[in-house]
Amino acid sequence: QSGDPLHSLFCLGGFEIAALTGAYLACAQEGIVALVDG
């Protein structure tokens, strides 16, 4: 599965990072602004 970017993200970043990335992508699809401050 080396060609699957989401699998690579999950392996390297863990579940939390993969979930946040999914949330950001969903916001982008819907045209919703997501502000990240950390």
C-alpha atoms as a PDB file:
ATOM      1  CA  GLN A   1       0.000   0.000   0.000  1.00  0.00           C
ATOM      2  CA  SER A   2       2.927   2.322  -0.532  1.00  0.00           C
ATOM      3  CA  GLY A   3       0.953   4.238  -3.180  1.00  0.00           C
ATOM      4  CA  ASP A   4      -1.893   5.170  -0.816  1.00  0.00           C
ATOM      5  CA  PRO A   5      -1.254   8.647   0.651  1.00  0.00           C
ATOM      6  CA  LEU A   6      -3.937   8.323   3.336  1.00  0.00           C
ATOM      7  CA  HIS A   7      -2.467   5.041   4.567  1.00  0.00           C
ATOM      8  CA  SER A   8       0.976   6.649   4.708  1.00  0.00           C
ATOM      9  CA  LEU A   9      -0.470   9.596   6.632  1.00  0.00           C
ATOM     10  CA  PHE A  10      -2.115   7.272   9.128  1.00  0.00           C
ATOM     11  CA  CYS A  11       1.105   5.276   9.625  1.00  0.00           C
ATOM     12  CA  LEU A  12       3.348   8.302  10.026  1.00  0.00           C
ATOM     13  CA  GLY A  13       1.065  10.690  11.868  1.00  0.00           C
ATOM     14  CA  GLY A  14      -1.248   8.476  13.845  1.00  0.00           C
ATOM     15  CA  PHE A  15      -5.021   8.446  14.094  1.00  0.00           C
ATOM     16  CA  GLU A  16      -5.371  12.010  15.386  1.00  0.00           C
ATOM     17  CA  ILE A  17      -3.404  13.550  12.512  1.00  0.00           C
ATOM     18  CA  ALA A  18      -5.286  11.466   9.952  1.00  0.00           C
ATOM     19  CA  ALA A  19      -8.635  12.509  11.460  1.00  0.00           C
ATOM     20  CA  LEU A  20      -7.684  16.190  11.479  1.00  0.00           C
ATOM     21  CA  THR A  21      -6.537  15.957   7.873  1.00  0.00           C
ATOM     22  CA  GLY A  22      -9.889  14.441   6.946  1.00  0.00           C
ATOM     23  CA  ALA A  23     -11.688  17.283   8.706  1.00  0.00           C
ATOM     24  CA  TYR A  24      -9.601  19.888   6.867  1.00  0.00           C
ATOM     25  CA  LEU A  25     -10.260  18.205   3.524  1.00  0.00           C
ATOM     26  CA  ALA A  26     -14.002  18.095   4.239  1.00  0.00           C
ATOM     27  CA  CYS A  27     -13.972  21.804   5.115  1.00  0.00           C
ATOM     28  CA  ALA A  28     -12.118  22.571   1.900  1.00  0.00           C
ATOM     29  CA  GLN A  29     -14.669  20.605  -0.138  1.00  0.00           C
ATOM     30  CA  GLU A  30     -17.541  22.548   1.406  1.00  0.00           C
ATOM     31  CA  GLY A  31     -15.796  25.921   1.192  1.00  0.00           C
ATOM     32  CA  ILE A  32     -15.653  26.299   4.969  1.00  0.00           C
ATOM     33  CA  VAL A  33     -12.733  28.205   6.455  1.00  0.00           C
ATOM     34  CA  ALA A  34     -10.741  26.187   9.001  1.00  0.00           C
ATOM     35  CA  LEU A  35      -8.457  28.184  11.287  1.00  0.00           C
ATOM     36  CA  VAL A  36      -5.711  26.214  12.999  1.00  0.00           C
ATOM     37  CA  ASP A  37      -3.906  27.826  15.915  1.00  0.00           C
ATOM     38  CA  GLY A  38      -1.513  25.806  17.877  1.00  0.00           C
END
